[in-house]
Amino acid sequence: MERSRSKSDQHKRTTLYVVLNKDCEKVSYEIVEKTTTAPTYSVGSAEIHKVLVPEDSFVIQASFTLNIKKRVIGEVLILDSSGRLLCRAVYRKLKVRVTYGGNSLTMKLLKCLFDSLKLIVKKYKVLQIAKT
């Protein structure tokens, strides 16, 4: 979890996480450990949380940066209850591009996240990565 900004207030960084089930409902979780760490920018705070998540639920970690041109750029990671990465998506120019592991369940979870955060999304796209 992080909320920080620069001294000139031109850059801001927000990192958060949400625990959801398959039906996009928030699930209660237990915070096992909290560690305070240095934030990205000079004003604000940052913490590292270790959480205990129930079975059949998903942790969505979202990290957003507001730059000097007032554009929001972000990265979203979807993890299962055991901590394996299921999906990685990038938010740029009001578009969400899934760069790893796009299936119907992860797309549903991404749409639920952006609806709850009230961020505008024009298009969702799954990029196919060539396998070598």
Protein backbone atom coordinates (compact mmCIF):
# COMPACT_ATOMS: atom_id res chain seq x y z
CA MET A 1 0.00 0.00 0.00
CA GLU A 2 1.40 3.34 -0.98
CA ARG A 3 0.17 6.89 -1.26
CA SER A 4 2.88 9.38 -2.06
CA ARG A 5 3.43 12.55 -4.04
CA SER A 6 6.30 14.78 -5.01
CA LYS A 7 7.06 18.00 -3.15
CA SER A 8 5.86 20.04 -6.12
CA ASP A 9 2.67 17.93 -6.25
CA GLN A 10 3.19 17.21 -9.96
CA HIS A 11 3.59 13.43 -9.58
CA LYS A 12 1.52 11.06 -7.45
CA ARG A 13 1.76 7.33 -6.87
CA THR A 14 -0.95 5.07 -5.46
CA THR A 15 -0.64 1.34 -4.87
CA LEU A 16 -3.53 -0.67 -3.47
CA TYR A 17 -4.90 -4.17 -3.35
CA VAL A 18 -8.38 -5.67 -3.34
CA VAL A 19 -9.44 -9.23 -2.48
CA LEU A 20 -12.36 -10.48 -4.60
CA ASN A 21 -14.08 -13.78 -5.28
CA LYS A 22 -15.30 -15.10 -8.65
CA ASP A 23 -18.51 -13.07 -8.40
CA CYS A 24 -16.63 -9.77 -7.93
CA GLU A 25 -17.62 -9.49 -4.28
CA LYS A 26 -15.14 -8.24 -1.71
CA VAL A 27 -13.84 -10.96 0.58
CA SER A 28 -12.58 -10.47 4.13
CA TYR A 29 -8.90 -11.24 4.66
CA GLU A 30 -6.42 -11.21 7.50
CA ILE A 31 -3.33 -9.00 7.57
CA VAL A 32 -0.52 -11.14 8.95
CA GLU A 33 2.31 -8.61 8.90
CA LYS A 34 2.79 -4.89 8.19
CA THR A 35 6.17 -3.40 7.38
CA THR A 36 6.77 0.31 6.86
CA THR A 37 8.99 1.16 3.90
CA ALA A 38 10.13 4.27 2.04
CA PRO A 39 7.62 5.71 -0.45
CA THR A 40 8.45 6.41 -4.09
CA TYR A 41 8.06 10.18 -3.69
CA SER A 42 9.07 12.35 -0.75
CA VAL A 43 5.65 13.15 0.73
CA GLY A 44 3.48 10.26 1.87
CA SER A 45 3.72 6.77 3.27
CA ALA A 46 4.20 3.20 2.10
CA GLU A 47 3.67 -0.18 3.74
CA ILE A 48 4.21 -3.80 2.75
CA HIS A 49 1.31 -6.04 3.77
CA LYS A 50 1.39 -9.82 4.04
CA VAL A 51 -2.18 -11.08 3.91
CA LEU A 52 -3.86 -14.42 4.45
CA VAL A 53 -6.46 -14.92 1.72
CA PRO A 54 -9.24 -17.56 1.77
CA GLU A 55 -9.39 -20.28 -0.89
CA ASP A 56 -11.11 -19.50 -4.23
CA SER A 57 -10.43 -15.79 -3.95
CA PHE A 58 -8.16 -13.46 -5.90
CA VAL A 59 -5.86 -10.61 -4.89
CA ILE A 60 -5.75 -7.71 -7.34
CA GLN A 61 -2.78 -5.40 -6.86
CA ALA A 62 -3.03 -2.10 -8.70
CA SER A 63 -0.32 0.52 -8.97
CA PHE A 64 -1.08 3.90 -10.56
CA THR A 65 1.08 6.95 -11.29
CA LEU A 66 -0.22 10.41 -12.14
CA ASN A 67 2.42 12.22 -14.19
CA ILE A 68 3.10 15.88 -14.90
CA LYS A 69 0.67 15.92 -17.84
CA LYS A 70 -2.09 14.64 -15.50
CA ARG A 71 -2.21 11.26 -17.25
CA VAL A 72 -2.73 8.10 -15.27
CA ILE A 73 -0.47 5.14 -16.04
CA GLY A 74 -0.87 1.91 -14.16
CA GLU A 75 -0.12 -1.77 -13.79
CA VAL A 76 -2.52 -4.40 -12.46
CA LEU A 77 -1.55 -7.86 -11.22
CA ILE A 78 -4.09 -10.60 -10.44
CA LEU A 79 -2.91 -13.34 -8.07
CA ASP A 80 -4.73 -16.43 -6.87
CA SER A 81 -5.03 -17.47 -3.22
CA SER A 82 -1.69 -19.32 -3.30
CA GLY A 83 0.18 -16.31 -4.73
CA ARG A 84 0.59 -17.44 -8.36
CA LEU A 85 0.37 -14.75 -11.04
CA LEU A 86 -2.72 -15.25 -13.19
CA CYS A 87 -2.82 -12.00 -15.15
CA ARG A 88 -0.79 -8.84 -15.76
CA ALA A 89 -2.37 -5.78 -17.35
CA VAL A 90 -1.22 -2.26 -18.18
CA TYR A 91 -3.44 0.85 -18.02
CA ARG A 92 -2.39 3.62 -20.42
CA LYS A 93 -4.30 6.21 -22.46
CA LEU A 94 -7.65 5.05 -21.04
CA LYS A 95 -7.03 1.51 -22.35
CA VAL A 96 -6.35 -1.73 -20.50
CA ARG A 97 -3.97 -4.11 -22.26
CA VAL A 98 -3.58 -7.60 -20.84
CA THR A 99 -0.01 -8.72 -21.47
CA TYR A 100 -0.11 -12.05 -19.64
CA GLY A 101 -2.83 -14.58 -18.92
CA GLY A 102 -6.00 -13.11 -20.30
CA ASN A 103 -9.07 -15.32 -19.91
CA SER A 104 -12.73 -14.61 -19.26
CA LEU A 105 -12.43 -14.74 -15.46
CA THR A 106 -9.48 -12.34 -15.28
CA MET A 107 -11.19 -9.94 -17.70
CA LYS A 108 -14.28 -9.98 -15.47
CA LEU A 109 -12.13 -9.22 -12.42
CA LEU A 110 -10.36 -6.37 -14.26
CA LYS A 111 -13.69 -4.81 -15.25
CA CYS A 112 -14.93 -5.07 -11.66
CA LEU A 113 -11.77 -3.37 -10.40
CA PHE A 114 -11.95 -0.43 -12.80
CA ASP A 115 -15.68 -0.01 -12.14
CA SER A 116 -15.08 0.12 -8.40
CA LEU A 117 -12.19 2.59 -8.80
CA LYS A 118 -14.32 4.70 -11.19
CA LEU A 119 -11.54 4.95 -13.76
CA ILE A 120 -12.58 5.52 -17.36
CA VAL A 121 -11.70 2.66 -19.71
CA LYS A 122 -12.40 2.93 -23.44
CA LYS A 123 -11.15 -0.48 -24.48
CA TYR A 124 -9.97 -3.79 -23.03
CA LYS A 125 -7.50 -5.72 -25.18
CA VAL A 126 -5.67 -9.02 -24.76
CA LEU A 127 -2.24 -9.04 -26.40
CA GLN A 128 -0.99 -12.36 -27.68
CA ILE A 129 2.65 -12.91 -26.78
CA ALA A 130 4.60 -15.04 -29.26
CA LYS A 131 6.01 -18.19 -27.68
CA THR A 132 9.55 -19.16 -28.61
